Each structure stands twice: as structure tokens, then as C-alpha cells.
Amino acid sequence: SIHNPGSNTHQASASYKPLLKQVVEEICNPDRPDPVDIEHISS
């Protein structure tokens, strides 16, 4: 999803987060968990 609906009490906190931004943040994540939706292709 690219939409975060917020909570029932704070509808104004709904936000939009582009897919490209989510992917780059995951790749550059310093905690470095295994990416769930990003697959490494062996070369």
C-alpha cells in the first residue's frame, strides 16, 4: 500500500508514501533486515 489511513481518532494523520520511496528506504535501512518483497537475483 502507498496509503496509510491513520487511526480512527486521528483521520487527519492519513498519509501517502510513494512505492519508490518505500523501496529505497528499505534498501538503505541501517538495521538491514532481509527485505521481504525485494529478491536478490544471483549473478
Full PDB file with SEQRES, HELIX, SHEET, SSBOND, CRYST1, ORIGX, SCALE, CONECT and MASTER records, all heavy atoms in Angstrom:
SEQRES   1 A   43  SER ILE HIS ASN PRO GLY SER ASN THR HIS GLN ALA SER          
SEQRES   2 A   43  ALA SER TYR LYS PRO LEU LEU LYS GLN VAL VAL GLU GLU          
SEQRES   3 A   43  ILE CYS ASN PRO ASP ARG PRO ASP PRO VAL ASP ILE GLU          
SEQRES   4 A   43  HIS ILE SER SER                                              
HELIX    1 AA1 GLN A   11  SER A   13  5                                   3    
HELIX    2 AA2 LEU A   19  ILE A   27  1                                   9    
SHEET    1 AA1 2 HIS A   3  ASN A   4  0                                        
SHEET    2 AA1 2 SER A  15  TYR A  16 -1                                        
CRYST1    1.000    1.000    1.000  90.00  90.00  90.00 P 1           1          
ORIGX1      1.000000  0.000000  0.000000        0.00000                         
ORIGX2      0.000000  1.000000  0.000000        0.00000                         
ORIGX3      0.000000  0.000000  1.000000        0.00000                         
SCALE1      1.000000  0.000000  0.000000        0.00000                         
SCALE2      0.000000  1.000000  0.000000        0.00000                         
SCALE3      0.000000  0.000000  1.000000        0.00000                         
ATOM      1  N   SER A   1       0.827  -1.204   0.000  1.00  0.00           N  
ATOM      2  CA  SER A   1       0.000   0.000   0.000  1.00  0.00           C  
ATOM      3  C   SER A   1       0.859   1.251   0.000  1.00  0.00           C  
ATOM      4  O   SER A   1       1.946   1.274   0.579  1.00  0.00           O  
ATOM      5  CB  SER A   1      -0.903   0.013   1.230  1.00  0.00           C  
ATOM      6  OG  SER A   1      -1.704   1.177   1.230  1.00  0.00           O  
ATOM      7  N   ILE A   2       0.364   2.276  -0.657  1.00  0.00           N  
ATOM      8  CA  ILE A   2       1.043   3.578  -0.638  1.00  0.00           C  
ATOM      9  C   ILE A   2       0.257   4.571   0.226  1.00  0.00           C  
ATOM     10  O   ILE A   2       0.643   5.708   0.368  1.00  0.00           O  
ATOM     11  CB  ILE A   2       1.229   4.153  -2.057  1.00  0.00           C  
ATOM     12  CG1 ILE A   2      -0.111   4.309  -2.768  1.00  0.00           C  
ATOM     13  CG2 ILE A   2       2.178   3.288  -2.856  1.00  0.00           C  
ATOM     14  CD1 ILE A   2      -0.038   5.004  -4.109  1.00  0.00           C  
ATOM     15  N   HIS A   3      -0.830   4.093   0.821  1.00  0.00           N  
ATOM     16  CA  HIS A   3      -1.685   4.945   1.649  1.00  0.00           C  
ATOM     17  C   HIS A   3      -1.731   4.416   3.075  1.00  0.00           C  
ATOM     18  O   HIS A   3      -1.985   3.240   3.298  1.00  0.00           O  
ATOM     19  CB  HIS A   3      -3.106   4.961   1.065  1.00  0.00           C  
ATOM     20  CG  HIS A   3      -4.051   5.788   1.862  1.00  0.00           C  
ATOM     21  ND1 HIS A   3      -4.979   5.243   2.716  1.00  0.00           N  
ATOM     22  CD2 HIS A   3      -4.216   7.118   1.945  1.00  0.00           C  
ATOM     23  CE1 HIS A   3      -5.666   6.195   3.289  1.00  0.00           C  
ATOM     24  NE2 HIS A   3      -5.235   7.344   2.828  1.00  0.00           N  
ATOM     25  N   ASN A   4      -1.470   5.296   4.025  1.00  0.00           N  
ATOM     26  CA  ASN A   4      -1.606   4.969   5.437  1.00  0.00           C  
ATOM     27  C   ASN A   4      -2.837   5.713   5.936  1.00  0.00           C  
ATOM     28  O   ASN A   4      -2.824   6.942   6.024  1.00  0.00           O  
ATOM     29  CB  ASN A   4      -0.356   5.407   6.206  1.00  0.00           C  
ATOM     30  CG  ASN A   4      -0.455   5.091   7.675  1.00  0.00           C  
ATOM     31  OD1 ASN A   4      -1.383   4.426   8.118  1.00  0.00           O  
ATOM     32  ND2 ASN A   4       0.498   5.581   8.436  1.00  0.00           N  
ATOM     33  N   PRO A   5      -3.933   5.003   6.231  1.00  0.00           N  
ATOM     34  CA  PRO A   5      -5.191   5.683   6.552  1.00  0.00           C  
ATOM     35  C   PRO A   5      -5.211   6.421   7.887  1.00  0.00           C  
ATOM     36  O   PRO A   5      -6.141   7.159   8.162  1.00  0.00           O  
ATOM     37  CB  PRO A   5      -6.217   4.543   6.557  1.00  0.00           C  
ATOM     38  CG  PRO A   5      -5.424   3.322   6.842  1.00  0.00           C  
ATOM     39  CD  PRO A   5      -4.052   3.555   6.275  1.00  0.00           C  
ATOM     40  N   GLY A   6      -4.198   6.252   8.719  1.00  0.00           N  
ATOM     41  CA  GLY A   6      -4.236   6.874  10.041  1.00  0.00           C  
ATOM     42  C   GLY A   6      -5.074   6.039  10.987  1.00  0.00           C  
ATOM     43  O   GLY A   6      -5.424   4.903  10.701  1.00  0.00           O  
ATOM     44  N   SER A   7      -5.438   6.607  12.120  1.00  0.00           N  
ATOM     45  CA  SER A   7      -6.251   5.864  13.090  1.00  0.00           C  
ATOM     46  C   SER A   7      -7.676   6.395  13.084  1.00  0.00           C  
ATOM     47  O   SER A   7      -7.969   7.429  12.485  1.00  0.00           O  
ATOM     48  CB  SER A   7      -5.635   6.000  14.486  1.00  0.00           C  
ATOM     49  OG  SER A   7      -5.694   7.353  14.898  1.00  0.00           O  
ATOM     50  N   ASN A   8      -8.559   5.694  13.780  1.00  0.00           N  
ATOM     51  CA  ASN A   8      -9.957   6.128  13.850  1.00  0.00           C  
ATOM     52  C   ASN A   8     -10.097   7.473  14.546  1.00  0.00           C  
ATOM     53  O   ASN A   8     -10.992   8.243  14.243  1.00  0.00           O  
ATOM     54  CB  ASN A   8     -10.805   5.083  14.579  1.00  0.00           C  
ATOM     55  CG  ASN A   8     -10.963   3.824  13.761  1.00  0.00           C  
ATOM     56  OD1 ASN A   8     -10.849   3.858  12.541  1.00  0.00           O  
ATOM     57  ND2 ASN A   8     -11.216   2.712  14.429  1.00  0.00           N  
ATOM     58  N   THR A   9      -9.222   7.749  15.498  1.00  0.00           N  
ATOM     59  CA  THR A   9      -9.316   9.009  16.238  1.00  0.00           C  
ATOM     60  C   THR A   9      -8.574  10.147  15.545  1.00  0.00           C  
ATOM     61  O   THR A   9      -8.864  11.301  15.788  1.00  0.00           O  
ATOM     62  CB  THR A   9      -8.743   8.837  17.660  1.00  0.00           C  
ATOM     63  OG1 THR A   9      -7.392   8.383  17.569  1.00  0.00           O  
ATOM     64  CG2 THR A   9      -9.582   7.852  18.456  1.00  0.00           C  
ATOM     65  N   HIS A  10      -7.604   9.835  14.680  1.00  0.00           N  
ATOM     66  CA  HIS A  10      -6.812  10.866  14.002  1.00  0.00           C  
ATOM     67  C   HIS A  10      -6.866  10.653  12.488  1.00  0.00           C  
ATOM     68  O   HIS A  10      -5.889  10.250  11.869  1.00  0.00           O  
ATOM     69  CB  HIS A  10      -5.354  10.836  14.473  1.00  0.00           C  
ATOM     70  CG  HIS A  10      -5.182  11.191  15.898  1.00  0.00           C  
ATOM     71  ND1 HIS A  10      -5.171  10.252  16.901  1.00  0.00           N  
ATOM     72  CD2 HIS A  10      -5.032  12.397  16.502  1.00  0.00           C  
ATOM     73  CE1 HIS A  10      -5.022  10.858  18.061  1.00  0.00           C  
ATOM     74  NE2 HIS A  10      -4.931  12.158  17.850  1.00  0.00           N  
ATOM     75  N   GLN A  11      -8.005  10.923  11.877  1.00  0.00           N  
ATOM     76  CA  GLN A  11      -8.147  10.768  10.430  1.00  0.00           C  
ATOM     77  C   GLN A  11      -7.219  11.711   9.677  1.00  0.00           C  
ATOM     78  O   GLN A  11      -6.808  11.424   8.563  1.00  0.00           O  
ATOM     79  CB  GLN A  11      -9.602  11.024  10.013  1.00  0.00           C  
ATOM     80  CG  GLN A  11     -10.569   9.969  10.487  1.00  0.00           C  
ATOM     81  CD  GLN A  11     -10.338   8.627   9.810  1.00  0.00           C  
ATOM     82  OE1 GLN A  11      -9.973   8.577   8.657  1.00  0.00           O  
ATOM     83  NE2 GLN A  11     -10.549   7.558  10.543  1.00  0.00           N  
ATOM     84  N   ALA A  12      -6.886  12.846  10.286  1.00  0.00           N  
ATOM     85  CA  ALA A  12      -6.018  13.814   9.627  1.00  0.00           C  
ATOM     86  C   ALA A  12      -4.586  13.300   9.509  1.00  0.00           C  
ATOM     87  O   ALA A  12      -3.785  13.864   8.774  1.00  0.00           O  
ATOM     88  CB  ALA A  12      -6.033  15.138  10.385  1.00  0.00           C  
ATOM     89  N   SER A  13      -4.244  12.219  10.213  1.00  0.00           N  
ATOM     90  CA  SER A  13      -2.877  11.700  10.147  1.00  0.00           C  
ATOM     91  C   SER A  13      -2.684  10.737   8.978  1.00  0.00           C  
ATOM     92  O   SER A  13      -1.637  10.116   8.864  1.00  0.00           O  
ATOM     93  CB  SER A  13      -2.523  11.002  11.468  1.00  0.00           C  
ATOM     94  OG  SER A  13      -3.320   9.849  11.632  1.00  0.00           O  
ATOM     95  N   ALA A  14      -3.680  10.623   8.111  1.00  0.00           N  
ATOM     96  CA  ALA A  14      -3.541   9.782   6.921  1.00  0.00           C  
ATOM     97  C   ALA A  14      -2.416  10.347   6.060  1.00  0.00           C  
ATOM     98  O   ALA A  14      -2.220  11.557   5.982  1.00  0.00           O  
ATOM     99  CB  ALA A  14      -4.845   9.758   6.141  1.00  0.00           C  
ATOM    100  N   SER A  15      -1.659   9.456   5.427  1.00  0.00           N  
ATOM    101  CA  SER A  15      -0.533   9.924   4.632  1.00  0.00           C  
ATOM    102  C   SER A  15      -0.341   9.066   3.389  1.00  0.00           C  
ATOM    103  O   SER A  15      -0.851   7.954   3.296  1.00  0.00           O  
ATOM    104  CB  SER A  15       0.746   9.913   5.477  1.00  0.00           C  
ATOM    105  OG  SER A  15       1.048   8.582   5.859  1.00  0.00           O  
ATOM    106  N   TYR A  16       0.411   9.612   2.466  1.00  0.00           N  
ATOM    107  CA  TYR A  16       0.744   8.953   1.210  1.00  0.00           C  
ATOM    108  C   TYR A  16       2.252   8.758   1.171  1.00  0.00           C  
ATOM    109  O   TYR A  16       3.010   9.689   1.445  1.00  0.00           O  
ATOM    110  CB  TYR A  16       0.282   9.834   0.042  1.00  0.00           C  
ATOM    111  CG  TYR A  16       0.962   9.553  -1.269  1.00  0.00           C  
ATOM    112  CD1 TYR A  16       0.664   8.417  -2.002  1.00  0.00           C  
ATOM    113  CD2 TYR A  16       1.904  10.433  -1.784  1.00  0.00           C  
ATOM    114  CE1 TYR A  16       1.279   8.159  -3.212  1.00  0.00           C  
ATOM    115  CE2 TYR A  16       2.531  10.183  -2.984  1.00  0.00           C  
ATOM    116  CZ  TYR A  16       2.208   9.053  -3.705  1.00  0.00           C  
ATOM    117  OH  TYR A  16       2.829   8.795  -4.892  1.00  0.00           O  
ATOM    118  N   LYS A  17       2.699   7.540   0.889  1.00  0.00           N  
ATOM    119  CA  LYS A  17       4.129   7.262   0.807  1.00  0.00           C  
ATOM    120  C   LYS A  17       4.389   6.502  -0.491  1.00  0.00           C  
ATOM    121  O   LYS A  17       3.991   5.342  -0.630  1.00  0.00           O  
ATOM    122  CB  LYS A  17       4.588   6.430   2.001  1.00  0.00           C  
ATOM    123  CG  LYS A  17       6.083   6.342   2.132  1.00  0.00           C  
ATOM    124  CD  LYS A  17       6.432   5.704   3.457  1.00  0.00           C  
ATOM    125  CE  LYS A  17       7.895   5.781   3.741  1.00  0.00           C  
ATOM    126  NZ  LYS A  17       8.217   5.119   4.999  1.00  0.00           N  
ATOM    127  N   PRO A  18       5.028   7.153  -1.463  1.00  0.00           N  
ATOM    128  CA  PRO A  18       5.232   6.531  -2.766  1.00  0.00           C  
ATOM    129  C   PRO A  18       5.986   5.203  -2.673  1.00  0.00           C  
ATOM    130  O   PRO A  18       6.844   5.019  -1.802  1.00  0.00           O  
ATOM    131  CB  PRO A  18       6.061   7.559  -3.539  1.00  0.00           C  
ATOM    132  CG  PRO A  18       5.923   8.833  -2.784  1.00  0.00           C  
ATOM    133  CD  PRO A  18       5.621   8.478  -1.367  1.00  0.00           C  
ATOM    134  N   LEU A  19       5.660   4.292  -3.570  1.00  0.00           N  
ATOM    135  CA  LEU A  19       6.298   2.974  -3.601  1.00  0.00           C  
ATOM    136  C   LEU A  19       7.803   3.102  -3.786  1.00  0.00           C  
ATOM    137  O   LEU A  19       8.578   2.414  -3.113  1.00  0.00           O  
ATOM    138  CB  LEU A  19       5.701   2.123  -4.711  1.00  0.00           C  
ATOM    139  CG  LEU A  19       6.309   0.741  -4.893  1.00  0.00           C  
ATOM    140  CD1 LEU A  19       6.093  -0.111  -3.653  1.00  0.00           C  
ATOM    141  CD2 LEU A  19       5.713   0.055  -6.105  1.00  0.00           C  
ATOM    142  N   LEU A  20       8.236   3.983  -4.666  1.00  0.00           N  
ATOM    143  CA  LEU A  20       9.670   4.158  -4.899  1.00  0.00           C  
ATOM    144  C   LEU A  20      10.381   4.583  -3.617  1.00  0.00           C  
ATOM    145  O   LEU A  20      11.457   4.075  -3.293  1.00  0.00           O  
ATOM    146  CB  LEU A  20       9.908   5.184  -6.006  1.00  0.00           C  
ATOM    147  CG  LEU A  20      11.352   5.459  -6.391  1.00  0.00           C  
ATOM    148  CD1 LEU A  20      12.053   4.174  -6.848  1.00  0.00           C  
ATOM    149  CD2 LEU A  20      11.416   6.507  -7.490  1.00  0.00           C  
ATOM    150  N   LYS A  21       9.770   5.461  -2.851  1.00  0.00           N  
ATOM    151  CA  LYS A  21      10.357   5.900  -1.581  1.00  0.00           C  
ATOM    152  C   LYS A  21      10.426   4.740  -0.588  1.00  0.00           C  
ATOM    153  O   LYS A  21      11.434   4.568   0.101  1.00  0.00           O  
ATOM    154  CB  LYS A  21       9.546   7.046  -0.987  1.00  0.00           C  
ATOM    155  CG  LYS A  21      10.148   7.613   0.276  1.00  0.00           C  
ATOM    156  CD  LYS A  21       9.386   8.830   0.751  1.00  0.00           C  
ATOM    157  CE  LYS A  21      10.100   9.439   1.940  1.00  0.00           C  
ATOM    158  NZ  LYS A  21       9.483  10.690   2.361  1.00  0.00           N  
ATOM    159  N   GLN A  22       9.390   3.914  -0.523  1.00  0.00           N  
ATOM    160  CA  GLN A  22       9.400   2.760   0.372  1.00  0.00           C  
ATOM    161  C   GLN A  22      10.523   1.791   0.010  1.00  0.00           C  
ATOM    162  O   GLN A  22      11.222   1.292   0.894  1.00  0.00           O  
ATOM    163  CB  GLN A  22       8.060   2.018   0.296  1.00  0.00           C  
ATOM    164  CG  GLN A  22       6.883   2.774   0.866  1.00  0.00           C  
ATOM    165  CD  GLN A  22       5.606   1.973   0.728  1.00  0.00           C  
ATOM    166  OE1 GLN A  22       5.591   0.771   0.940  1.00  0.00           O  
ATOM    167  NE2 GLN A  22       4.521   2.648   0.380  1.00  0.00           N  
ATOM    168  N   VAL A  23      10.700   1.545  -1.281  1.00  0.00           N  
ATOM    169  CA  VAL A  23      11.733   0.601  -1.727  1.00  0.00           C  
ATOM    170  C   VAL A  23      13.120   1.135  -1.406  1.00  0.00           C  
ATOM    171  O   VAL A  23      13.969   0.414  -0.865  1.00  0.00           O  
ATOM    172  CB  VAL A  23      11.582   0.315  -3.239  1.00  0.00           C  
ATOM    173  CG1 VAL A  23      12.771  -0.458  -3.774  1.00  0.00           C  
ATOM    174  CG2 VAL A  23      10.300  -0.450  -3.504  1.00  0.00           C  
ATOM    175  N   VAL A  24      13.380   2.410  -1.694  1.00  0.00           N  
ATOM    176  CA  VAL A  24      14.710   2.980  -1.429  1.00  0.00           C  
ATOM    177  C   VAL A  24      14.984   3.023   0.072  1.00  0.00           C  
ATOM    178  O   VAL A  24      16.099   2.726   0.510  1.00  0.00           O  
ATOM    179  CB  VAL A  24      14.838   4.378  -2.074  1.00  0.00           C  
ATOM    180  CG1 VAL A  24      16.130   5.058  -1.662  1.00  0.00           C  
ATOM    181  CG2 VAL A  24      14.765   4.268  -3.593  1.00  0.00           C  
ATOM    182  N   GLU A  25      13.986   3.367   0.877  1.00  0.00           N  
ATOM    183  CA  GLU A  25      14.182   3.365   2.338  1.00  0.00           C  
ATOM    184  C   GLU A  25      14.512   1.965   2.838  1.00  0.00           C  
ATOM    185  O   GLU A  25      15.334   1.799   3.732  1.00  0.00           O  
ATOM    186  CB  GLU A  25      12.950   3.916   3.044  1.00  0.00           C  
ATOM    187  CG  GLU A  25      12.822   5.413   2.968  1.00  0.00           C  
ATOM    188  CD  GLU A  25      11.576   5.941   3.648  1.00  0.00           C  
ATOM    189  OE1 GLU A  25      10.654   5.150   3.949  1.00  0.00           O  
ATOM    190  OE2 GLU A  25      11.517   7.160   3.872  1.00  0.00           O  
ATOM    191  N   GLU A  26      13.866   0.944   2.283  1.00  0.00           N  
ATOM    192  CA  GLU A  26      14.139  -0.431   2.695  1.00  0.00           C  
ATOM    193  C   GLU A  26      15.559  -0.841   2.307  1.00  0.00           C  
ATOM    194  O   GLU A  26      16.261  -1.476   3.079  1.00  0.00           O  
ATOM    195  CB  GLU A  26      13.122  -1.381   2.060  1.00  0.00           C  
ATOM    196  CG  GLU A  26      13.381  -2.837   2.327  1.00  0.00           C  
ATOM    197  CD  GLU A  26      13.323  -3.202   3.802  1.00  0.00           C  
ATOM    198  OE1 GLU A  26      12.628  -2.524   4.576  1.00  0.00           O  
ATOM    199  OE2 GLU A  26      13.986  -4.182   4.187  1.00  0.00           O  
ATOM    200  N   ILE A  27      15.974  -0.463   1.121  1.00  0.00           N  
ATOM    201  CA  ILE A  27      17.329  -0.812   0.664  1.00  0.00           C  
ATOM    202  C   ILE A  27      18.377  -0.115   1.516  1.00  0.00           C  
ATOM    203  O   ILE A  27      19.414  -0.695   1.839  1.00  0.00           O  
ATOM    204  CB  ILE A  27      17.491  -0.456  -0.828  1.00  0.00           C  
ATOM    205  CG1 ILE A  27      16.649  -1.416  -1.678  1.00  0.00           C  
ATOM    206  CG2 ILE A  27      18.949  -0.514  -1.255  1.00  0.00           C  
ATOM    207  CD1 ILE A  27      16.556  -1.028  -3.136  1.00  0.00           C  
ATOM    208  N   CYS A  28      18.108   1.129   1.907  1.00  0.00           N  
ATOM    209  CA  CYS A  28      19.079   1.912   2.686  1.00  0.00           C  
ATOM    210  C   CYS A  28      18.867   1.790   4.191  1.00  0.00           C  
ATOM    211  O   CYS A  28      19.462   2.546   4.958  1.00  0.00           O  
ATOM    212  CB  CYS A  28      18.989   3.379   2.276  1.00  0.00           C  
ATOM    213  SG  CYS A  28      19.424   3.682   0.568  1.00  0.00           S  
ATOM    214  N   ASN A  29      18.050   0.859   4.633  1.00  0.00           N  
ATOM    215  CA  ASN A  29      17.751   0.686   6.050  1.00  0.00           C  
ATOM    216  C   ASN A  29      19.007   0.233   6.795  1.00  0.00           C  
ATOM    217  O   ASN A  29      19.578  -0.808   6.481  1.00  0.00           O  
ATOM    218  CB  ASN A  29      16.637  -0.353   6.210  1.00  0.00           C  
ATOM    219  CG  ASN A  29      16.165  -0.493   7.638  1.00  0.00           C  
ATOM    220  OD1 ASN A  29      16.741   0.081   8.563  1.00  0.00           O  
ATOM    221  ND2 ASN A  29      15.114  -1.254   7.821  1.00  0.00           N  
ATOM    222  N   PRO A  30      19.445   0.994   7.803  1.00  0.00           N  
ATOM    223  CA  PRO A  30      20.658   0.613   8.524  1.00  0.00           C  
ATOM    224  C   PRO A  30      20.494  -0.635   9.390  1.00  0.00           C  
ATOM    225  O   PRO A  30      21.467  -1.310   9.701  1.00  0.00           O  
ATOM    226  CB  PRO A  30      20.972   1.842   9.385  1.00  0.00           C  
ATOM    227  CG  PRO A  30      19.673   2.552   9.527  1.00  0.00           C  
ATOM    228  CD  PRO A  30      18.881   2.246   8.295  1.00  0.00           C  
ATOM    229  N   ASP A  31      19.260  -0.975   9.771  1.00  0.00           N  
ATOM    230  CA  ASP A  31      19.037  -2.172  10.582  1.00  0.00           C  
ATOM    231  C   ASP A  31      19.190  -3.438   9.756  1.00  0.00           C  
ATOM    232  O   ASP A  31      19.390  -4.517  10.307  1.00  0.00           O  
ATOM    233  CB  ASP A  31      17.645  -2.132  11.223  1.00  0.00           C  
ATOM    234  CG  ASP A  31      17.495  -0.969  12.174  1.00  0.00           C  
ATOM    235  OD1 ASP A  31      18.526  -0.507  12.703  1.00  0.00           O  
ATOM    236  OD2 ASP A  31      16.353  -0.515  12.369  1.00  0.00           O  
ATOM    237  N   ARG A  32      19.049  -3.308   8.452  1.00  0.00           N  
ATOM    238  CA  ARG A  32      19.310  -4.353   7.472  1.00  0.00           C  
ATOM    239  C   ARG A  32      18.592  -5.684   7.705  1.00  0.00           C  
ATOM    240  O   ARG A  32      19.222  -6.729   7.680  1.00  0.00           O  
ATOM    241  CB  ARG A  32      20.798  -4.601   7.377  1.00  0.00           C  
ATOM    242  CG  ARG A  32      21.577  -3.385   6.983  1.00  0.00           C  
ATOM    243  CD  ARG A  32      23.004  -3.743   6.886  1.00  0.00           C  
ATOM    244  NE  ARG A  32      23.108  -5.014   6.218  1.00  0.00           N  
ATOM    245  CZ  ARG A  32      23.820  -5.258   5.152  1.00  0.00           C  
ATOM    246  NH1 ARG A  32      24.540  -4.325   4.662  1.00  0.00           N  
ATOM    247  NH2 ARG A  32      23.853  -6.444   4.598  1.00  0.00           N  
ATOM    248  N   PRO A  33      17.302  -5.671   7.882  1.00  0.00           N  
ATOM    249  CA  PRO A  33      16.613  -6.964   7.887  1.00  0.00           C  
ATOM    250  C   PRO A  33      16.571  -7.498   6.462  1.00  0.00           C  
ATOM    251  O   PRO A  33      16.812  -6.757   5.516  1.00  0.00           O  
ATOM    252  CB  PRO A  33      15.214  -6.613   8.378  1.00  0.00           C  
ATOM    253  CG  PRO A  33      15.017  -5.205   7.941  1.00  0.00           C  
ATOM    254  CD  PRO A  33      16.382  -4.557   8.034  1.00  0.00           C  
ATOM    255  N   ASP A  34      16.281  -8.777   6.319  1.00  0.00           N  
ATOM    256  CA  ASP A  34      16.132  -9.321   4.974  1.00  0.00           C  
ATOM    257  C   ASP A  34      14.904  -8.689   4.340  1.00  0.00           C  
ATOM    258  O   ASP A  34      13.812  -8.753   4.902  1.00  0.00           O  
ATOM    259  CB  ASP A  34      15.948 -10.842   5.009  1.00  0.00           C  
ATOM    260  CG  ASP A  34      17.263 -11.581   5.102  1.00  0.00           C  
ATOM    261  OD1 ASP A  34      18.307 -10.960   4.783  1.00  0.00           O  
ATOM    262  OD2 ASP A  34      17.260 -12.753   5.484  1.00  0.00           O  
ATOM    263  N   PRO A  35      15.066  -8.073   3.179  1.00  0.00           N  
ATOM    264  CA  PRO A  35      13.892  -7.483   2.521  1.00  0.00           C  
ATOM    265  C   PRO A  35      12.889  -8.573   2.151  1.00  0.00           C  
ATOM    266  O   PRO A  35      13.260  -9.598   1.599  1.00  0.00           O  
ATOM    267  CB  PRO A  35      14.455  -6.824   1.269  1.00  0.00           C  
ATOM    268  CG  PRO A  35      15.935  -6.896   1.375  1.00  0.00           C  
ATOM    269  CD  PRO A  35      16.276  -7.883   2.427  1.00  0.00           C  
ATOM    270  N   VAL A  36      11.644  -8.344   2.468  1.00  0.00           N  
ATOM    271  CA  VAL A  36      10.611  -9.350   2.246  1.00  0.00           C  
ATOM    272  C   VAL A  36      10.184  -9.374   0.782  1.00  0.00           C  
ATOM    273  O   VAL A  36      10.087 -10.424   0.171  1.00  0.00           O  
ATOM    274  CB  VAL A  36       9.392  -9.065   3.153  1.00  0.00           C  
ATOM    275  CG1 VAL A  36       8.300 -10.068   2.917  1.00  0.00           C  
ATOM    276  CG2 VAL A  36       9.807  -9.052   4.603  1.00  0.00           C  
ATOM    277  N   ASP A  37       9.944  -8.207   0.205  1.00  0.00           N  
ATOM    278  CA  ASP A  37       9.424  -8.126  -1.159  1.00  0.00           C  
ATOM    279  C   ASP A  37      10.492  -7.839  -2.202  1.00  0.00           C  
ATOM    280  O   ASP A  37      10.173  -7.692  -3.374  1.00  0.00           O  
ATOM    281  CB  ASP A  37       8.344  -7.040  -1.242  1.00  0.00           C  
ATOM    282  CG  ASP A  37       7.076  -7.423  -0.505  1.00  0.00           C  
ATOM    283  OD1 ASP A  37       6.794  -8.630  -0.428  1.00  0.00           O  
ATOM    284  OD2 ASP A  37       6.373  -6.534  -0.016  1.00  0.00           O  
ATOM    285  N   ILE A  38      11.741  -7.730  -1.786  1.00  0.00           N  
ATOM    286  CA  ILE A  38      12.837  -7.491  -2.732  1.00  0.00           C  
ATOM    287  C   ILE A  38      13.653  -8.766  -2.816  1.00  0.00           C  
ATOM    288  O   ILE A  38      14.129  -9.267  -1.806  1.00  0.00           O  
ATOM    289  CB  ILE A  38      13.737  -6.317  -2.279  1.00  0.00           C  
ATOM    290  CG1 ILE A  38      12.914  -5.042  -2.159  1.00  0.00           C  
ATOM    291  CG2 ILE A  38      14.891  -6.132  -3.246  1.00  0.00           C  
ATOM    292  CD1 ILE A  38      13.672  -3.876  -1.575  1.00  0.00           C  
ATOM    293  N   GLU A  39      13.825  -9.267  -4.013  1.00  0.00           N  
ATOM    294  CA  GLU A  39      14.517 -10.541  -4.192  1.00  0.00           C  
ATOM    295  C   GLU A  39      15.880 -10.312  -4.846  1.00  0.00           C  
ATOM    296  O   GLU A  39      15.998  -9.551  -5.809  1.00  0.00           O  
ATOM    297  CB  GLU A  39      13.685 -11.464  -5.081  1.00  0.00           C  
ATOM    298  CG  GLU A  39      14.278 -12.836  -5.248  1.00  0.00           C  
ATOM    299  CD  GLU A  39      13.379 -13.743  -6.061  1.00  0.00           C  
ATOM    300  OE1 GLU A  39      12.179 -13.481  -6.127  1.00  0.00           O  
ATOM    301  OE2 GLU A  39      13.903 -14.706  -6.641  1.00  0.00           O  
ATOM    302  N   HIS A  40      16.892 -10.951  -4.302  1.00  0.00           N  
ATOM    303  CA  HIS A  40      18.225 -10.883  -4.893  1.00  0.00           C  
ATOM    304  C   HIS A  40      18.311 -11.902  -6.013  1.00  0.00           C  
ATOM    305  O   HIS A  40      17.941 -13.061  -5.855  1.00  0.00           O  
ATOM    306  CB  HIS A  40      19.291 -11.183  -3.840  1.00  0.00           C  
ATOM    307  CG  HIS A  40      20.673 -11.168  -4.397  1.00  0.00           C  
ATOM    308  ND1 HIS A  40      21.301 -12.314  -4.821  1.00  0.00           N  
ATOM    309  CD2 HIS A  40      21.532 -10.152  -4.631  1.00  0.00           C  
ATOM    310  CE1 HIS A  40      22.499 -12.006  -5.282  1.00  0.00           C  
ATOM    311  NE2 HIS A  40      22.651 -10.701  -5.174  1.00  0.00           N  
ATOM    312  N   ILE A  41      18.796 -11.460  -7.166  1.00  0.00           N  
ATOM    313  CA  ILE A  41      18.982 -12.361  -8.301  1.00  0.00           C  
ATOM    314  C   ILE A  41      20.462 -12.666  -8.407  1.00  0.00           C  
ATOM    315  O   ILE A  41      21.289 -11.764  -8.534  1.00  0.00           O  
ATOM    316  CB  ILE A  41      18.451 -11.732  -9.596  1.00  0.00           C  
ATOM    317  CG1 ILE A  41      16.950 -11.482  -9.463  1.00  0.00           C  
ATOM    318  CG2 ILE A  41      18.741 -12.631 -10.787  1.00  0.00           C  
ATOM    319  CD1 ILE A  41      16.344 -10.736 -10.617  1.00  0.00           C  
ATOM    320  N   SER A  42      20.809 -13.933  -8.333  1.00  0.00           N  
ATOM    321  CA  SER A  42      22.203 -14.350  -8.351  1.00  0.00           C  
ATOM    322  C   SER A  42      22.831 -14.071  -9.708  1.00  0.00           C  
ATOM    323  O   SER A  42      22.217 -14.304 -10.743  1.00  0.00           O  
ATOM    324  CB  SER A  42      22.315 -15.844  -8.051  1.00  0.00           C  
ATOM    325  OG  SER A  42      21.734 -16.113  -6.811  1.00  0.00           O  
ATOM    326  N   SER A  43      24.085 -13.606  -9.661  1.00  0.00           N  
ATOM    327  CA  SER A  43      24.750 -13.300 -10.920  1.00  0.00           C  
ATOM    328  C   SER A  43      26.031 -14.094 -11.112  1.00  0.00           C  
ATOM    329  O   SER A  43      26.484 -14.270 -12.220  1.00  0.00           O  
ATOM    330  CB  SER A  43      25.062 -11.803 -10.987  1.00  0.00           C  
ATOM    331  OG  SER A  43      25.903 -11.449  -9.907  1.00  0.00           O  
TER     332      SER A  43                                                      
MASTER        0    0    0    2    2    0    0    6  331    1    0    4          
END                                                                             
